[in-house]
C-alpha atoms as a PDB file:
ATOM      1  CA  MET A   1     105.220  90.248 101.877  1.00  0.00           C
ATOM      2  CA  GLU A   2     105.774  93.162 104.235  1.00  0.00           C
ATOM      3  CA  ILE A   3     108.826  92.964 106.501  1.00  0.00           C
ATOM      4  CA  ILE A   4     109.253  94.613 109.892  1.00  0.00           C
ATOM      5  CA  LEU A   5     112.626  94.579 111.649  1.00  0.00           C
ATOM      6  CA  SER A   6     112.803  94.743 115.437  1.00  0.00           C
ATOM      7  CA  ASP A   7     114.994  97.406 117.029  1.00  0.00           C
ATOM      8  CA  LYS A   8     117.361  94.634 118.093  1.00  0.00           C
ATOM      9  CA  VAL A   9     117.758  93.414 114.494  1.00  0.00           C
ATOM     10  CA  LYS A  10     118.221  96.982 113.216  1.00  0.00           C
ATOM     11  CA  SER A  11     120.927  97.553 115.817  1.00  0.00           C
ATOM     12  CA  LYS A  12     122.685  94.318 114.889  1.00  0.00           C
ATOM     13  CA  LEU A  13     122.594  95.302 111.209  1.00  0.00           C
ATOM     14  CA  ARG A  14     124.146  98.692 112.008  1.00  0.00           C
ATOM     15  CA  GLY A  15     126.983  96.906 113.786  1.00  0.00           C
ATOM     16  CA  LEU A  16     127.414  94.450 110.917  1.00  0.00           C
ATOM     17  CA  ARG A  17     127.813  97.259 108.378  1.00  0.00           C
ATOM     18  CA  VAL A  18     131.088  98.171 110.054  1.00  0.00           C
ATOM     19  CA  LYS A  19     132.317  94.679 110.935  1.00  0.00           C
ATOM     20  CA  ASN A  20     131.137  92.611 107.976  1.00  0.00           C
ATOM     21  CA  ALA A  21     129.814  94.469 104.931  1.00  0.00           C
ATOM     22  CA  GLN A  22     129.597  91.259 102.919  1.00  0.00           C
ATOM     23  CA  LEU A  23     127.280  89.617 105.466  1.00  0.00           C
ATOM     24  CA  THR A  24     125.189  92.794 105.594  1.00  0.00           C
ATOM     25  CA  ARG A  25     124.713  92.600 101.825  1.00  0.00           C
ATOM     26  CA  LYS A  26     123.688  88.942 102.142  1.00  0.00           C
ATOM     27  CA  VAL A  27     121.100  89.813 104.820  1.00  0.00           C
ATOM     28  CA  TYR A  28     119.490  92.460 102.617  1.00  0.00           C
ATOM     29  CA  LYS A  29     119.645  90.172  99.571  1.00  0.00           C
ATOM     30  CA  GLN A  30     117.794  87.437 101.471  1.00  0.00           C
ATOM     31  CA  LEU A  31     115.238  89.918 102.817  1.00  0.00           C
ATOM     32  CA  ASP A  32     114.590  91.189  99.270  1.00  0.00           C
ATOM     33  CA  LEU A  33     114.166  87.606  98.102  1.00  0.00           C
ATOM     34  CA  PHE A  34     111.844  86.898 101.031  1.00  0.00           C
ATOM     35  CA  MET A  35     109.641  89.875 100.095  1.00  0.00           C
ATOM     36  CA  THR A  36     109.401  88.604  96.524  1.00  0.00           C
ATOM     37  CA  ASN A  37     109.088  84.884  97.199  1.00  0.00           C
ATOM     38  CA  PRO A  38     108.988  83.802 100.870  1.00  0.00           C
ATOM     39  CA  HIS A  39     109.225  80.140  99.858  1.00  0.00           C
ATOM     40  CA  HIS A  40     112.321  80.407  97.644  1.00  0.00           C
ATOM     41  CA  PRO A  41     114.533  77.350  98.244  1.00  0.00           C
ATOM     42  CA  SER A  42     117.675  79.396  98.985  1.00  0.00           C
ATOM     43  CA  LEU A  43     115.970  80.847 102.084  1.00  0.00           C
ATOM     44  CA  ARG A  44     115.697  77.351 103.596  1.00  0.00           C
ATOM     45  CA  LEU A  45     112.527  78.503 105.326  1.00  0.00           C
ATOM     46  CA  HIS A  46     111.378  76.282 108.159  1.00  0.00           C
ATOM     47  CA  LYS A  47     108.992  76.409 111.088  1.00  0.00           C
ATOM     48  CA  LEU A  48     110.590  76.197 114.503  1.00  0.00           C
ATOM     49  CA  VAL A  49     109.589  73.948 117.391  1.00  0.00           C
ATOM     50  CA  GLY A  50     109.692  74.057 121.171  1.00  0.00           C
ATOM     51  CA  ASN A  51     109.746  77.446 122.850  1.00  0.00           C
ATOM     52  CA  LEU A  52     110.068  79.092 119.407  1.00  0.00           C
ATOM     53  CA  GLY A  53     107.117  77.134 118.005  1.00  0.00           C
ATOM     54  CA  ASP A  54     105.262  80.223 116.811  1.00  0.00           C
ATOM     55  CA  SER A  55     108.282  81.362 114.766  1.00  0.00           C
ATOM     56  CA  TRP A  56     109.907  80.670 111.424  1.00  0.00           C
ATOM     57  CA  SER A  57     113.531  80.874 110.324  1.00  0.00           C
ATOM     58  CA  ILE A  58     115.327  81.768 107.114  1.00  0.00           C
ATOM     59  CA  SER A  59     118.994  81.255 106.322  1.00  0.00           C
ATOM     60  CA  VAL A  60     121.246  84.122 105.316  1.00  0.00           C
ATOM     61  CA  ASP A  61     124.265  81.879 104.778  1.00  0.00           C
ATOM     62  CA  ARG A  62     125.566  78.588 106.181  1.00  0.00           C
ATOM     63  CA  SER A  63     125.817  79.912 109.738  1.00  0.00           C
ATOM     64  CA  THR A  64     123.553  82.975 109.919  1.00  0.00           C
ATOM     65  CA  ARG A  65     119.808  82.831 110.558  1.00  0.00           C
ATOM     66  CA  MET A  66     116.942  85.269 110.891  1.00  0.00           C
ATOM     67  CA  VAL A  67     113.897  84.384 113.001  1.00  0.00           C
ATOM     68  CA  TYR A  68     110.460  85.903 112.520  1.00  0.00           C
ATOM     69  CA  THR A  69     106.821  85.616 113.483  1.00  0.00           C
ATOM     70  CA  LEU A  70     103.780  86.644 111.506  1.00  0.00           C
ATOM     71  CA  THR A  71     101.851  89.646 112.755  1.00  0.00           C
ATOM     72  CA  PRO A  72      98.039  89.559 112.818  1.00  0.00           C
ATOM     73  CA  GLU A  73      98.162  91.744 109.683  1.00  0.00           C
ATOM     74  CA  GLY A  74     100.299  89.145 107.886  1.00  0.00           C
ATOM     75  CA  ALA A  75     103.653  90.951 107.990  1.00  0.00           C
ATOM     76  CA  ALA A  76     106.874  89.141 108.861  1.00  0.00           C
ATOM     77  CA  TYR A  77     108.334  90.549 112.085  1.00  0.00           C
ATOM     78  CA  PHE A  78     112.032  89.645 112.225  1.00  0.00           C
ATOM     79  CA  TYR A  79     113.230  89.705 115.823  1.00  0.00           C
ATOM     80  CA  LYS A  80     116.457  87.673 115.835  1.00  0.00           C
ATOM     81  CA  LEU A  81     119.562  87.765 113.664  1.00  0.00           C
ATOM     82  CA  GLY A  82     122.706  85.797 114.384  1.00  0.00           C
ATOM     83  CA  THR A  83     124.475  82.485 114.199  1.00  0.00           C
ATOM     84  CA  HIS A  84     122.548  79.270 114.570  1.00  0.00           C
ATOM     85  CA  ASP A  85     123.513  79.003 118.247  1.00  0.00           C
ATOM     86  CA  GLU A  86     122.680  82.663 118.983  1.00  0.00           C
ATOM     87  CA  VAL A  87     119.167  82.613 117.551  1.00  0.00           C
ATOM     88  CA  TYR A  88     118.115  79.180 118.783  1.00  0.00           C
ATOM     89  CA  GLN A  89     119.390  79.425 122.355  1.00  0.00           C
ATOM     90  CA  LYS A  90     116.786  79.154 125.065  1.00  0.00           C
END
């Protein structure tokens, strides 16, 4: 599956490279896995509800999530990266 990262996610990843290289590696590992098998159990993929009802989430680790929507072309557009509370806040 094709992956597109929003400018916001790219910026957050640039900041993470300096602050937390290990988490950065985990993000890219999960994105690689997502491209190969979007339904792999370790991604803990799930559809969101409420105001994020058109989005899906994958887990990077126990506290970090990435949120995406599907583009009309079928690509995954990741637009949020952060802790559970950061990505699911209203």
